[in-house]
């Protein structure tokens, strides 16, 4: 009995260690990558999204099963709707099938796995986006709607941990938190490391009896608290000048965490336009991610609710000026395809709206089902609005404005009747 209890403790320890070792650092997925992906075409083009686990006690069997089931669905559709032969199907899907036997691939997951298969190629994204169920769409272009939350500020934000040992940046949503990879050669991530380097340099200069004035100016280790704060703020100036171009790749609200006195110093140094009020106070490390997640969400959620209220009020005001559409799906989709939509709000529980947009005649043609030559018009409209510099939000049902339960939008200009 003692042996089994000991094995249980060891298993928990192993899983905990794996969580922190395998909690891979994600890169920022930005509008430029989204735009490049939206230009891809294929006959056919397969888009698969599945929920995945960051840690697993069954060698990621459940995650593999999700992918295997979607690949089986793709096989069936390719055979029945596209008339493809089995050998051609196997050749097309073989890159994705090979993932099923690659344990190392599954060890470094996030929360959603996206696979895009086309023309003998496969592109894979691992993103901290919550998805309730698996999706498989076969069309002539990628299905991209599940990626929208990664690109906008509708409950998605950055959290910067101001730890002088090492600055850490996280991408956060209501359901997930994940560290974003920062290159220490591109961003000065450690104040204490710089401090040690300067002290070593000071020591070498002292031995050579040269450069003493410079050493006194740059040295971090001595002096009053106020002098130390000035030195830290100077560090923040350098660090944020390197960090902010990275944040602007996909600009989102930025919240701060760390001991209380560091927040004001960083704010004086920062020029980031989306730096938000409030701070998660405490001496945190990378091991406190779950606490950081909950406490930062407690700060962000009320502001998110205010933004939702403002969007709904703005929709009502715009609708009164004939600058919003809430009850004419066809008119709104056409407006989106022609560049007239400024903000598109989509019910996150919407069903596919299959059909085609004829760019020559500017006509929308709906279909009752998925066919070989059509696509989800909601997805197509969302991609077009993003391409035109507009905003797209996936919205929970209770917060959807207007009368259409699928999508509503505000316009750049009034449309003719």
Protein backbone atom coordinates (compact mmCIF):
# COMPACT_ATOMS: atom_id res chain seq x y z
CA UNK A 1 0.00 0.00 0.00
CA UNK A 2 2.83 2.36 0.88
CA UNK A 3 4.42 1.57 -2.47
CA UNK A 4 1.28 2.62 -4.38
CA UNK A 5 1.00 5.83 -2.36
CA UNK A 6 4.65 6.56 -3.11
CA UNK A 7 4.05 5.89 -6.82
CA UNK A 8 1.13 8.32 -6.73
CA UNK A 9 3.28 11.05 -5.17
CA UNK A 10 5.99 10.44 -7.77
CA UNK A 11 3.40 10.67 -10.59
CA UNK A 12 2.14 14.02 -9.28
CA UNK A 13 5.70 15.32 -9.02
CA UNK A 14 6.51 14.15 -12.54
CA UNK A 15 3.38 15.79 -13.97
CA UNK A 16 4.16 19.02 -12.14
CA UNK A 17 7.72 19.05 -13.42
CA UNK A 18 6.50 18.27 -16.93
CA UNK A 19 4.05 21.15 -16.71
CA UNK A 20 6.82 23.65 -16.10
CA UNK A 21 9.42 22.03 -18.36
CA UNK A 22 7.05 21.43 -21.25
CA UNK A 23 5.08 24.61 -20.91
CA UNK A 24 6.57 25.76 -24.17
CA UNK A 25 6.99 29.42 -24.95
CA UNK A 26 4.66 30.65 -27.63
CA UNK A 27 5.43 33.29 -30.21
CA UNK A 28 3.07 36.16 -30.95
CA UNK A 29 0.64 35.27 -33.75
CA UNK A 30 0.03 38.57 -35.48
CA UNK A 31 -2.09 40.15 -38.20
CA UNK A 32 0.71 39.76 -40.75
CA UNK A 33 0.74 35.97 -40.29
CA UNK A 34 -3.05 35.87 -40.32
CA UNK A 35 -3.13 37.85 -43.57
CA UNK A 36 -0.54 35.59 -45.21
CA UNK A 37 -2.50 32.51 -44.21
CA UNK A 38 -5.75 34.01 -45.53
CA UNK A 39 -4.19 34.30 -49.01
CA UNK A 40 -3.50 30.56 -49.25
CA UNK A 41 -5.58 28.48 -51.63
CA UNK A 42 -5.94 24.80 -52.36
CA UNK A 43 -8.20 22.31 -54.10
CA UNK A 44 -8.99 21.05 -51.56
CA UNK A 45 -7.90 23.10 -48.55
CA UNK A 46 -8.44 21.37 -45.18
CA UNK A 47 -8.69 23.34 -41.92
CA UNK A 48 -8.75 21.37 -38.66
CA UNK A 49 -9.02 22.76 -35.13
CA UNK A 50 -8.91 20.61 -32.02
CA UNK A 51 -8.71 21.28 -28.26
CA UNK A 52 -5.46 19.94 -26.81
CA UNK A 53 -3.83 19.50 -23.40
CA UNK A 54 -0.65 21.05 -22.08
CA UNK A 55 0.01 18.07 -19.81
CA UNK A 56 -1.34 14.53 -19.95
CA UNK A 57 -1.30 11.35 -17.89
CA UNK A 58 -2.19 9.12 -20.87
CA UNK A 59 0.52 10.09 -23.40
CA UNK A 60 -1.89 12.61 -24.95
CA UNK A 61 -4.21 9.86 -26.11
CA UNK A 62 -7.29 12.12 -25.95
CA UNK A 63 -5.60 14.83 -28.04
CA UNK A 64 -4.47 12.31 -30.64
CA UNK A 65 -8.01 10.90 -30.76
CA UNK A 66 -9.39 14.38 -31.50
CA UNK A 67 -7.05 14.71 -34.47
CA UNK A 68 -7.61 11.15 -35.64
CA UNK A 69 -11.39 11.67 -35.64
CA UNK A 70 -11.12 14.88 -37.68
CA UNK A 71 -8.81 13.21 -40.16
CA UNK A 72 -11.34 10.39 -40.53
CA UNK A 73 -14.04 12.98 -41.17
CA UNK A 74 -11.80 14.64 -43.76
CA UNK A 75 -11.20 11.29 -45.48
CA UNK A 76 -14.93 10.66 -45.74
CA UNK A 77 -15.66 14.13 -47.15
CA UNK A 78 -12.81 13.98 -49.64
CA UNK A 79 -14.05 10.62 -50.87
CA UNK A 80 -17.75 11.48 -51.05
CA UNK A 81 -17.78 15.19 -51.96
CA UNK A 82 -14.54 15.57 -53.87
CA UNK A 83 -14.43 12.12 -55.48
CA UNK A 84 -10.81 11.59 -54.48
CA UNK A 85 -9.18 8.17 -54.65
CA UNK A 86 -7.88 6.58 -51.45
CA UNK A 87 -4.24 6.79 -52.53
CA UNK A 88 -4.59 10.54 -53.18
CA UNK A 89 -6.32 11.03 -49.84
CA UNK A 90 -3.56 9.16 -48.04
CA UNK A 91 -0.91 11.26 -49.77
CA UNK A 92 -2.69 14.51 -48.87
CA UNK A 93 -3.27 13.61 -45.22
CA UNK A 94 -0.03 11.75 -44.52
CA UNK A 95 1.77 14.77 -42.93
CA UNK A 96 -1.05 15.13 -40.39
CA UNK A 97 -1.28 11.38 -39.78
CA UNK A 98 2.43 11.25 -39.03
CA UNK A 99 1.78 13.53 -36.01
CA UNK A 100 -0.20 10.74 -34.35
CA UNK A 101 3.03 8.80 -33.73
CA UNK A 102 5.15 11.79 -32.74
CA UNK A 103 5.03 11.97 -28.93
CA UNK A 104 7.46 14.90 -28.79
CA UNK A 105 5.06 16.95 -30.91
CA UNK A 106 2.25 16.50 -28.36
CA UNK A 107 4.45 17.25 -25.36
CA UNK A 108 4.69 20.92 -26.28
CA UNK A 109 1.05 21.81 -26.84
CA UNK A 110 -0.92 24.89 -25.98
CA UNK A 111 -4.75 24.89 -25.80
CA UNK A 112 -5.73 24.71 -29.46
CA UNK A 113 -4.06 22.94 -32.36
CA UNK A 114 -4.78 24.23 -35.85
CA UNK A 115 -3.74 22.21 -38.93
CA UNK A 116 -3.98 23.56 -42.47
CA UNK A 117 -3.45 20.94 -45.18
CA UNK A 118 -3.20 21.91 -48.83
CA UNK A 119 -1.20 21.07 -51.94
CA UNK A 120 1.00 18.50 -50.25
CA UNK A 121 1.87 20.92 -47.45
CA UNK A 122 0.80 21.23 -43.81
CA UNK A 123 0.98 24.25 -41.54
CA UNK A 124 0.49 23.86 -37.80
CA UNK A 125 -0.31 26.46 -35.16
CA UNK A 126 -0.35 25.91 -31.40
CA UNK A 127 -2.21 28.77 -29.73
CA UNK A 128 -3.59 29.64 -26.27
CA UNK A 129 -7.14 29.86 -27.62
CA UNK A 130 -10.03 28.01 -26.01
CA UNK A 131 -12.08 25.89 -28.39
CA UNK A 132 -15.01 23.81 -27.10
CA UNK A 133 -15.04 21.17 -29.79
CA UNK A 134 -13.12 20.00 -32.84
CA UNK A 135 -13.75 21.52 -36.27
CA UNK A 136 -12.98 20.26 -39.77
CA UNK A 137 -13.78 22.41 -42.80
CA UNK A 138 -12.84 21.48 -46.38
CA UNK A 139 -13.00 24.30 -48.89
CA UNK A 140 -10.82 26.09 -51.45
CA UNK A 141 -9.46 28.46 -48.80
CA UNK A 142 -8.64 28.26 -45.07
CA UNK A 143 -11.32 28.54 -42.43
CA UNK A 144 -9.87 31.13 -40.03
CA UNK A 145 -12.63 32.27 -37.70
CA UNK A 146 -11.31 30.35 -34.64
CA UNK A 147 -8.07 32.38 -34.88
CA UNK A 148 -9.84 35.74 -34.49
CA UNK A 149 -9.66 35.78 -30.63
CA UNK A 150 -5.87 35.60 -30.85
CA UNK A 151 -5.81 38.87 -32.81
CA UNK A 152 -8.14 41.19 -30.91
CA UNK A 153 -8.61 42.63 -27.44
CA UNK A 154 -11.99 41.06 -26.70
CA UNK A 155 -10.80 39.48 -23.45
CA UNK A 156 -7.28 38.85 -24.75
CA UNK A 157 -4.44 40.82 -23.19
CA UNK A 158 -0.76 40.85 -22.32
CA UNK A 159 0.50 40.51 -18.77
CA UNK A 160 4.04 41.72 -18.07
CA UNK A 161 5.70 40.36 -14.93
CA UNK A 162 8.16 42.95 -13.63
CA UNK A 163 10.58 40.63 -11.90
CA UNK A 164 14.09 42.10 -11.86
CA UNK A 165 15.60 38.63 -12.06
CA UNK A 166 13.81 38.12 -15.39
CA UNK A 167 11.00 40.00 -17.11
CA UNK A 168 8.30 37.66 -18.41
CA UNK A 169 5.48 38.33 -20.86
CA UNK A 170 2.25 36.33 -20.97
CA UNK A 171 -0.69 36.10 -23.32
CA UNK A 172 -3.90 35.81 -21.29
CA UNK A 173 -7.58 35.11 -21.92
CA UNK A 174 -10.37 34.15 -19.58
CA UNK A 175 -9.51 30.48 -19.91
CA UNK A 176 -5.77 30.34 -20.49
CA UNK A 177 -2.42 31.95 -19.75
CA UNK A 178 0.78 31.20 -21.62
CA UNK A 179 4.25 32.68 -21.63
CA UNK A 180 5.35 34.44 -24.81
CA UNK A 181 8.86 33.79 -26.02
CA UNK A 182 11.22 36.75 -25.74
CA UNK A 183 14.77 36.61 -27.05
CA UNK A 184 17.25 37.80 -24.42
CA UNK A 185 19.48 39.07 -27.23
CA UNK A 186 16.64 41.28 -28.51
CA UNK A 187 15.13 42.38 -25.18
CA UNK A 188 17.04 43.17 -21.98
CA UNK A 189 15.16 40.74 -19.74
CA UNK A 190 17.22 40.82 -16.53
CA UNK A 191 18.10 43.87 -14.46
CA UNK A 192 20.13 41.81 -11.97
CA UNK A 193 22.17 40.27 -14.79
CA UNK A 194 23.05 43.74 -16.06
CA UNK A 195 23.86 44.75 -12.48
CA UNK A 196 26.29 41.87 -12.09
CA UNK A 197 27.92 42.61 -15.43
CA UNK A 198 28.39 46.28 -14.49
CA UNK A 199 29.83 45.37 -11.09
CA UNK A 200 32.29 42.98 -12.75
CA UNK A 201 33.23 45.70 -15.20
CA UNK A 202 33.64 48.14 -12.33
CA UNK A 203 35.94 45.70 -10.57
CA UNK A 204 38.08 45.25 -13.68
CA UNK A 205 38.27 48.99 -14.22
CA UNK A 206 39.23 49.48 -10.58
CA UNK A 207 42.07 47.01 -10.96
CA UNK A 208 43.30 48.95 -13.97
CA UNK A 209 42.73 52.26 -12.15
CA UNK A 210 40.85 53.65 -15.14
CA UNK A 211 37.27 54.59 -15.87
CA UNK A 212 36.35 55.05 -12.20
CA UNK A 213 33.88 57.83 -12.94
CA UNK A 214 32.02 55.67 -15.44
CA UNK A 215 31.96 52.77 -13.00
CA UNK A 216 30.47 54.96 -10.28
CA UNK A 217 27.76 56.19 -12.64
CA UNK A 218 26.73 52.78 -13.93
CA UNK A 219 27.15 50.75 -10.78
CA UNK A 220 23.82 49.37 -9.51
CA UNK A 221 24.77 47.84 -6.24
CA UNK A 222 25.34 50.92 -4.10
CA UNK A 223 23.62 54.21 -3.36
CA UNK A 224 20.32 55.33 -1.89
CA UNK A 225 16.91 53.82 -2.63
CA UNK A 226 16.12 56.80 -4.87
CA UNK A 227 19.32 56.26 -6.85
CA UNK A 228 18.44 52.61 -7.20
CA UNK A 229 14.97 53.52 -8.52
CA UNK A 230 16.53 55.85 -11.09
CA UNK A 231 18.81 53.05 -12.22
CA UNK A 232 15.87 50.65 -12.50
CA UNK A 233 13.84 53.20 -14.42
CA UNK A 234 16.73 53.70 -16.83
CA UNK A 235 16.75 49.93 -17.30
CA UNK A 236 13.00 49.99 -17.99
CA UNK A 237 13.57 52.68 -20.64
CA UNK A 238 16.01 50.39 -22.45
CA UNK A 239 13.94 47.28 -21.97
CA UNK A 240 10.61 48.75 -23.09
CA UNK A 241 12.19 50.37 -26.16
CA UNK A 242 13.11 46.85 -27.23
CA UNK A 243 9.88 45.20 -26.08
CA UNK A 244 7.25 47.57 -27.46
CA UNK A 245 7.95 46.94 -31.17
CA UNK A 246 7.23 43.28 -30.43
CA UNK A 247 3.95 44.15 -28.69
CA UNK A 248 2.90 46.32 -31.61
CA UNK A 249 3.06 43.28 -33.90
CA UNK A 250 -0.30 42.42 -32.36
CA UNK A 251 -1.32 45.35 -30.12
CA UNK A 252 -3.39 44.24 -27.14
CA UNK A 253 -4.09 45.73 -23.69
CA UNK A 254 -1.06 45.39 -21.40
CA UNK A 255 -1.41 44.82 -17.65
CA UNK A 256 1.44 44.78 -15.13
CA UNK A 257 2.35 42.45 -12.28
CA UNK A 258 5.14 42.67 -9.72
CA UNK A 259 6.15 44.37 -6.48
CA UNK A 260 4.32 47.65 -6.04
CA UNK A 261 7.13 50.17 -6.54
CA UNK A 262 8.11 48.74 -9.97
CA UNK A 263 4.80 49.59 -11.64
CA UNK A 264 5.14 53.40 -11.50
CA UNK A 265 8.77 53.19 -12.65
CA UNK A 266 7.77 51.14 -15.67
CA UNK A 267 4.86 53.45 -16.51
CA UNK A 268 7.18 56.46 -16.59
CA UNK A 269 9.43 54.61 -19.03
CA UNK A 270 6.76 53.10 -21.28
CA UNK A 271 5.30 54.66 -24.42
CA UNK A 272 2.98 51.72 -25.21
CA UNK A 273 -0.43 53.12 -26.13
CA UNK A 274 -2.36 50.18 -24.68
CA UNK A 275 -0.85 50.11 -21.17
CA UNK A 276 -3.81 49.70 -18.82
CA UNK A 277 -4.42 50.97 -15.29
CA UNK A 278 -4.11 48.57 -12.39
CA UNK A 279 -1.40 46.15 -11.29
CA UNK A 280 -1.24 42.67 -9.81
CA UNK A 281 0.78 43.39 -6.68
CA UNK A 282 3.23 40.82 -5.35
CA UNK A 283 6.67 39.22 -5.67
CA UNK A 284 5.84 36.62 -8.33
CA UNK A 285 7.96 34.15 -10.26
CA UNK A 286 7.29 31.93 -13.28
CA UNK A 287 5.87 29.32 -10.87
CA UNK A 288 2.93 31.58 -9.96
CA UNK A 289 1.21 31.60 -13.35
CA UNK A 290 -2.17 30.36 -12.14
CA UNK A 291 -2.29 33.04 -9.44
CA UNK A 292 -1.21 35.66 -11.96
CA UNK A 293 -3.91 34.44 -14.31
CA UNK A 294 -6.72 34.75 -11.78
CA UNK A 295 -5.62 38.06 -10.27
CA UNK A 296 -5.01 39.71 -13.66
CA UNK A 297 -8.41 38.52 -14.90
CA UNK A 298 -10.01 40.06 -11.80
CA UNK A 299 -8.58 43.40 -12.98
CA UNK A 300 -9.28 42.93 -16.70
CA UNK A 301 -12.83 41.51 -16.54
CA UNK A 302 -14.64 44.69 -15.35
CA UNK A 303 -12.90 46.72 -18.04
CA UNK A 304 -13.86 44.10 -20.62
CA UNK A 305 -17.48 44.36 -19.52
CA UNK A 306 -17.32 48.15 -19.88
CA UNK A 307 -15.97 47.74 -23.41
CA UNK A 308 -18.82 45.38 -24.29
CA UNK A 309 -21.35 47.88 -22.96
CA UNK A 310 -19.69 50.67 -24.97
CA UNK A 311 -19.77 48.55 -28.14
CA UNK A 312 -23.47 47.84 -27.69
CA UNK A 313 -24.23 51.50 -27.00
CA UNK A 314 -22.18 52.48 -30.03
CA UNK A 315 -24.08 49.96 -32.15
CA UNK A 316 -27.42 51.44 -31.05
CA UNK A 317 -26.22 54.98 -31.79
CA UNK A 318 -24.86 53.99 -35.17
CA UNK A 319 -28.03 52.08 -36.02
CA UNK A 320 -30.07 55.24 -35.36
CA UNK A 321 -27.87 56.98 -37.96
CA UNK A 322 -28.28 54.17 -40.53
CA UNK A 323 -24.65 53.23 -39.93
CA UNK A 324 -25.27 49.76 -38.49
CA UNK A 325 -26.95 46.55 -39.63
CA UNK A 326 -28.54 44.17 -37.16
CA UNK A 327 -31.40 42.46 -38.95
CA UNK A 328 -30.33 41.93 -42.57
CA UNK A 329 -27.72 39.21 -42.81
CA UNK A 330 -27.39 39.35 -46.59
CA UNK A 331 -26.92 43.12 -46.61
CA UNK A 332 -24.31 42.94 -43.85
CA UNK A 333 -22.33 40.17 -45.54
CA UNK A 334 -22.34 42.10 -48.81
CA UNK A 335 -21.23 45.25 -46.98
CA UNK A 336 -18.38 43.32 -45.38
CA UNK A 337 -17.24 41.91 -48.73
CA UNK A 338 -17.18 45.39 -50.27
CA UNK A 339 -15.21 47.08 -47.49
CA UNK A 340 -18.05 49.01 -45.84
CA UNK A 341 -17.95 47.33 -42.42
CA UNK A 342 -15.93 48.94 -39.65
CA UNK A 343 -16.79 46.48 -36.84
CA UNK A 344 -18.24 42.99 -37.21
CA UNK A 345 -19.62 41.16 -34.17
CA UNK A 346 -20.27 37.44 -34.49
CA UNK A 347 -22.09 35.18 -32.07
CA UNK A 348 -19.47 32.71 -30.87
CA UNK A 349 -22.10 29.94 -31.03
CA UNK A 350 -23.09 30.70 -34.62
CA UNK A 351 -23.66 27.98 -37.18
CA UNK A 352 -21.98 28.05 -40.57
CA UNK A 353 -23.64 30.16 -43.24
CA UNK A 354 -22.68 28.38 -46.45
CA UNK A 355 -22.64 30.16 -49.78
CA UNK A 356 -20.64 32.16 -52.31
CA UNK A 357 -19.85 35.79 -52.91
CA UNK A 358 -19.62 36.84 -56.56
CA UNK A 359 -17.04 39.62 -56.69
CA UNK A 360 -18.04 40.58 -60.25
CA UNK A 361 -21.71 41.15 -59.51
CA UNK A 362 -21.34 41.83 -55.75
CA UNK A 363 -24.04 39.26 -55.09
CA UNK A 364 -24.38 36.83 -52.17
CA UNK A 365 -25.65 33.33 -52.95
CA UNK A 366 -26.67 31.22 -49.95
CA UNK A 367 -26.66 27.42 -49.84
CA UNK A 368 -28.43 25.04 -47.49
CA UNK A 369 -25.35 22.86 -47.11
CA UNK A 370 -21.61 22.70 -47.55
CA UNK A 371 -20.70 22.15 -51.18
CA UNK A 372 -17.40 21.77 -52.99
CA UNK A 373 -17.32 25.30 -54.39
CA UNK A 374 -18.73 27.28 -51.45
CA UNK A 375 -17.40 28.52 -48.11
CA UNK A 376 -18.66 29.77 -44.75
CA UNK A 377 -19.71 33.35 -45.54
CA UNK A 378 -19.33 34.41 -41.91
CA UNK A 379 -15.69 33.34 -42.01
CA UNK A 380 -15.17 35.01 -45.38
CA UNK A 381 -16.70 38.26 -44.12
CA UNK A 382 -14.55 38.24 -40.97
CA UNK A 383 -11.35 37.76 -42.95
CA UNK A 384 -12.30 40.58 -45.35
CA UNK A 385 -13.11 43.00 -42.52
CA UNK A 386 -9.74 42.26 -40.89
CA UNK A 387 -7.98 42.73 -44.24
CA UNK A 388 -9.65 46.14 -44.61
CA UNK A 389 -8.44 47.27 -41.20
CA UNK A 390 -11.73 46.74 -39.38
CA UNK A 391 -12.39 44.95 -36.12
CA UNK A 392 -13.96 41.52 -35.64
CA UNK A 393 -15.25 40.17 -32.33
CA UNK A 394 -16.57 36.76 -31.36
CA UNK A 395 -19.23 37.61 -28.79
CA UNK A 396 -21.11 35.50 -26.26
CA UNK A 397 -24.85 35.36 -26.92
CA UNK A 398 -25.97 37.55 -23.96
CA UNK A 399 -23.72 40.36 -25.15
CA UNK A 400 -24.74 40.39 -28.81
CA UNK A 401 -26.41 43.66 -29.79
CA UNK A 402 -29.12 44.00 -32.43
CA UNK A 403 -31.72 41.49 -33.48
CA UNK A 404 -29.70 39.05 -35.57
CA UNK A 405 -28.44 36.22 -33.41
CA UNK A 406 -25.55 35.44 -35.77
CA UNK A 407 -23.83 38.69 -36.71
CA UNK A 408 -24.22 42.46 -36.59
CA UNK A 409 -21.99 45.27 -37.72
CA UNK A 410 -21.29 48.98 -37.85
CA UNK A 411 -20.51 50.75 -41.10
CA UNK A 412 -17.94 53.23 -42.38
CA UNK A 413 -20.59 55.01 -44.44
CA UNK A 414 -24.31 54.86 -45.06
CA UNK A 415 -25.39 52.33 -47.67
CA UNK A 416 -28.06 52.93 -50.29
CA UNK A 417 -31.34 51.07 -49.84
